[in-house]
Amino acid sequence: MPKYIVKEGIIDNFLGSIFKSMLKGAESKAIKDLKRKDPNFGKKLKKLEKEKKEIEDYIKKNRKELSDEYGFDF
């Protein structure tokens, strides 16, 4: 039995901080170290960065249609 307890709040905060840094476009040294030390985690982050880029491109391409449909100014 593990001697540590991982609470859901800790995981949520960790993932939230990763997403915030990715959205800002600023990758911290800690994230770079995680990507280097854990290749599987690095692959998942790279995939997430690719998806982010695709979403940004989609919004840029369909800005007018999205703003007309949802009433947001993109």
N, C-alpha and C. Protein backbone atom coordinates (compact mmCIF):
# COMPACT_ATOMS: atom_id res chain seq x y z
N MET A 1 0.84 -1.17 0.00
CA MET A 1 0.00 0.00 0.00
C MET A 1 0.89 1.24 0.00
N PRO A 2 0.58 2.23 -0.89
CA PRO A 2 1.45 3.40 -0.98
C PRO A 2 1.39 4.25 0.29
N LYS A 3 2.49 4.91 0.56
CA LYS A 3 2.56 5.76 1.73
C LYS A 3 2.12 7.19 1.43
N TYR A 4 1.72 7.44 0.22
CA TYR A 4 1.29 8.77 -0.17
C TYR A 4 -0.13 8.71 -0.71
N ILE A 5 -0.81 9.83 -0.65
CA ILE A 5 -2.18 9.92 -1.16
C ILE A 5 -2.22 11.05 -2.18
N VAL A 6 -2.69 10.72 -3.37
CA VAL A 6 -2.82 11.72 -4.42
C VAL A 6 -4.29 12.10 -4.48
N LYS A 7 -4.57 13.33 -4.14
CA LYS A 7 -5.95 13.81 -4.14
C LYS A 7 -6.28 14.40 -5.51
N GLU A 8 -7.54 14.35 -5.85
CA GLU A 8 -7.98 14.82 -7.15
C GLU A 8 -7.67 16.30 -7.35
N GLY A 9 -7.74 17.08 -6.29
CA GLY A 9 -7.46 18.51 -6.39
C GLY A 9 -6.04 18.80 -6.83
N ILE A 10 -5.11 17.97 -6.38
CA ILE A 10 -3.71 18.14 -6.77
C ILE A 10 -3.55 17.90 -8.26
N ILE A 11 -4.18 16.86 -8.76
CA ILE A 11 -4.10 16.54 -10.18
C ILE A 11 -4.76 17.64 -11.00
N ASP A 12 -5.92 18.13 -10.56
CA ASP A 12 -6.60 19.21 -11.27
C ASP A 12 -5.74 20.46 -11.33
N ASN A 13 -5.11 20.82 -10.23
CA ASN A 13 -4.24 22.00 -10.22
C ASN A 13 -3.04 21.82 -11.14
N PHE A 14 -2.47 20.63 -11.14
CA PHE A 14 -1.33 20.34 -11.99
C PHE A 14 -1.70 20.47 -13.46
N LEU A 15 -2.79 19.82 -13.85
CA LEU A 15 -3.22 19.89 -15.24
C LEU A 15 -3.65 21.31 -15.63
N GLY A 16 -4.30 22.00 -14.71
CA GLY A 16 -4.70 23.38 -14.97
C GLY A 16 -3.52 24.28 -15.23
N SER A 17 -2.47 24.11 -14.47
CA SER A 17 -1.28 24.94 -14.68
C SER A 17 -0.59 24.60 -15.99
N ILE A 18 -0.61 23.34 -16.38
CA ILE A 18 -0.02 22.96 -17.68
C ILE A 18 -0.81 23.59 -18.81
N PHE A 19 -2.15 23.51 -18.74
CA PHE A 19 -2.97 24.09 -19.81
C PHE A 19 -2.80 25.61 -19.87
N LYS A 20 -2.71 26.26 -18.72
CA LYS A 20 -2.52 27.72 -18.72
C LYS A 20 -1.21 28.10 -19.40
N SER A 21 -0.16 27.38 -19.06
CA SER A 21 1.13 27.71 -19.66
C SER A 21 1.13 27.44 -21.16
N MET A 22 0.42 26.40 -21.58
CA MET A 22 0.35 26.11 -23.01
C MET A 22 -0.45 27.17 -23.75
N LEU A 23 -1.54 27.63 -23.15
CA LEU A 23 -2.34 28.65 -23.79
C LEU A 23 -1.59 29.98 -23.90
N LYS A 24 -0.79 30.27 -22.90
CA LYS A 24 0.01 31.49 -22.93
C LYS A 24 1.17 31.36 -23.91
N GLY A 25 1.54 30.15 -24.23
CA GLY A 25 2.66 29.93 -25.13
C GLY A 25 3.99 29.95 -24.39
N ALA A 26 3.96 29.96 -23.08
CA ALA A 26 5.18 29.98 -22.29
C ALA A 26 5.37 28.62 -21.63
N GLU A 27 6.40 27.94 -22.03
CA GLU A 27 6.66 26.62 -21.47
C GLU A 27 7.71 26.77 -20.36
N SER A 28 7.36 26.36 -19.18
CA SER A 28 8.26 26.51 -18.05
C SER A 28 9.37 25.47 -18.09
N LYS A 29 10.39 25.72 -17.29
CA LYS A 29 11.50 24.79 -17.19
C LYS A 29 11.02 23.46 -16.62
N ALA A 30 10.06 23.51 -15.71
CA ALA A 30 9.55 22.27 -15.12
C ALA A 30 8.88 21.40 -16.18
N ILE A 31 8.11 22.00 -17.07
CA ILE A 31 7.46 21.23 -18.12
C ILE A 31 8.49 20.66 -19.08
N LYS A 32 9.51 21.45 -19.41
CA LYS A 32 10.58 20.95 -20.28
C LYS A 32 11.28 19.75 -19.64
N ASP A 33 11.52 19.84 -18.34
CA ASP A 33 12.16 18.73 -17.63
C ASP A 33 11.26 17.50 -17.63
N LEU A 34 9.96 17.69 -17.40
CA LEU A 34 9.03 16.56 -17.42
C LEU A 34 9.00 15.89 -18.78
N LYS A 35 8.99 16.70 -19.84
CA LYS A 35 8.97 16.14 -21.19
C LYS A 35 10.23 15.32 -21.46
N ARG A 36 11.36 15.80 -20.95
CA ARG A 36 12.62 15.11 -21.18
C ARG A 36 12.71 13.83 -20.34
N LYS A 37 12.26 13.89 -19.09
CA LYS A 37 12.39 12.75 -18.19
C LYS A 37 11.34 11.68 -18.42
N ASP A 38 10.17 12.08 -18.90
CA ASP A 38 9.08 11.12 -19.13
C ASP A 38 8.65 11.22 -20.59
N PRO A 39 9.19 10.39 -21.46
CA PRO A 39 8.89 10.48 -22.89
C PRO A 39 7.40 10.32 -23.21
N ASN A 40 6.70 9.48 -22.47
CA ASN A 40 5.28 9.28 -22.71
C ASN A 40 4.51 10.57 -22.44
N PHE A 41 4.84 11.23 -21.34
CA PHE A 41 4.22 12.51 -21.00
C PHE A 41 4.55 13.55 -22.07
N GLY A 42 5.79 13.54 -22.54
CA GLY A 42 6.20 14.46 -23.59
C GLY A 42 5.42 14.27 -24.88
N LYS A 43 5.17 13.02 -25.25
CA LYS A 43 4.39 12.73 -26.45
C LYS A 43 2.97 13.25 -26.33
N LYS A 44 2.40 13.08 -25.15
CA LYS A 44 1.03 13.55 -24.92
C LYS A 44 0.96 15.07 -24.95
N LEU A 45 1.96 15.74 -24.40
CA LEU A 45 1.98 17.20 -24.46
C LEU A 45 2.17 17.70 -25.89
N LYS A 46 3.00 17.02 -26.65
CA LYS A 46 3.21 17.40 -28.04
C LYS A 46 1.91 17.25 -28.84
N LYS A 47 1.18 16.17 -28.57
CA LYS A 47 -0.10 15.95 -29.23
C LYS A 47 -1.09 17.05 -28.84
N LEU A 48 -1.08 17.43 -27.57
CA LEU A 48 -1.96 18.49 -27.08
C LEU A 48 -1.62 19.83 -27.73
N GLU A 49 -0.33 20.12 -27.89
CA GLU A 49 0.09 21.35 -28.55
C GLU A 49 -0.37 21.37 -30.01
N LYS A 50 -0.31 20.22 -30.66
CA LYS A 50 -0.76 20.12 -32.05
C LYS A 50 -2.26 20.38 -32.14
N GLU A 51 -3.04 19.81 -31.23
CA GLU A 51 -4.49 20.03 -31.20
C GLU A 51 -4.81 21.50 -30.95
N LYS A 52 -4.07 22.14 -30.06
CA LYS A 52 -4.26 23.56 -29.78
C LYS A 52 -4.04 24.38 -31.05
N LYS A 53 -2.99 24.06 -31.79
CA LYS A 53 -2.69 24.78 -33.03
C LYS A 53 -3.81 24.58 -34.05
N GLU A 54 -4.34 23.36 -34.15
CA GLU A 54 -5.43 23.08 -35.08
C GLU A 54 -6.69 23.87 -34.71
N ILE A 55 -6.99 23.97 -33.42
CA ILE A 55 -8.16 24.72 -32.96
C ILE A 55 -7.98 26.20 -33.28
N GLU A 56 -6.77 26.74 -33.02
CA GLU A 56 -6.51 28.14 -33.34
C GLU A 56 -6.67 28.41 -34.83
N ASP A 57 -6.15 27.52 -35.66
CA ASP A 57 -6.29 27.67 -37.11
C ASP A 57 -7.75 27.62 -37.54
N TYR A 58 -8.52 26.71 -36.94
CA TYR A 58 -9.94 26.60 -37.26
C TYR A 58 -10.68 27.88 -36.91
N ILE A 59 -10.38 28.43 -35.74
CA ILE A 59 -11.05 29.66 -35.31
C ILE A 59 -10.67 30.81 -36.23
N LYS A 60 -9.40 30.92 -36.59
CA LYS A 60 -8.96 31.98 -37.50
C LYS A 60 -9.63 31.85 -38.86
N LYS A 61 -9.75 30.62 -39.33
CA LYS A 61 -10.32 30.37 -40.65
C LYS A 61 -11.83 30.65 -40.67
N ASN A 62 -12.53 30.31 -39.60
CA ASN A 62 -13.99 30.41 -39.55
C ASN A 62 -14.47 31.49 -38.59
N ARG A 63 -13.68 32.54 -38.43
CA ARG A 63 -13.98 33.59 -37.46
C ARG A 63 -15.36 34.20 -37.70
N LYS A 64 -15.68 34.55 -38.92
CA LYS A 64 -16.95 35.22 -39.21
C LYS A 64 -18.14 34.30 -38.93
N GLU A 65 -18.07 33.06 -39.38
CA GLU A 65 -19.17 32.14 -39.17
C GLU A 65 -19.39 31.86 -37.67
N LEU A 66 -18.30 31.71 -36.94
CA LEU A 66 -18.42 31.44 -35.51
C LEU A 66 -18.98 32.64 -34.76
N SER A 67 -18.56 33.85 -35.12
CA SER A 67 -19.07 35.02 -34.41
C SER A 67 -20.55 35.24 -34.75
N ASP A 68 -20.97 34.95 -35.98
CA ASP A 68 -22.38 35.09 -36.33
C ASP A 68 -23.22 34.05 -35.60
N GLU A 69 -22.72 32.84 -35.51
CA GLU A 69 -23.48 31.75 -34.91
C GLU A 69 -23.56 31.85 -33.39
N TYR A 70 -22.45 32.20 -32.75
CA TYR A 70 -22.41 32.18 -31.29
C TYR A 70 -22.44 33.56 -30.65
N GLY A 71 -22.32 34.61 -31.43
CA GLY A 71 -22.38 35.96 -30.91
C GLY A 71 -21.12 36.42 -30.19
N PHE A 72 -20.02 35.68 -30.34
CA PHE A 72 -18.75 36.08 -29.74
C PHE A 72 -17.92 36.80 -30.78
N ASP A 73 -17.09 37.71 -30.31
CA ASP A 73 -16.15 38.38 -31.20
C ASP A 73 -14.80 37.71 -31.05
N PHE A 74 -14.43 36.92 -32.05
CA PHE A 74 -13.17 36.17 -31.97
C PHE A 74 -12.03 37.01 -32.49
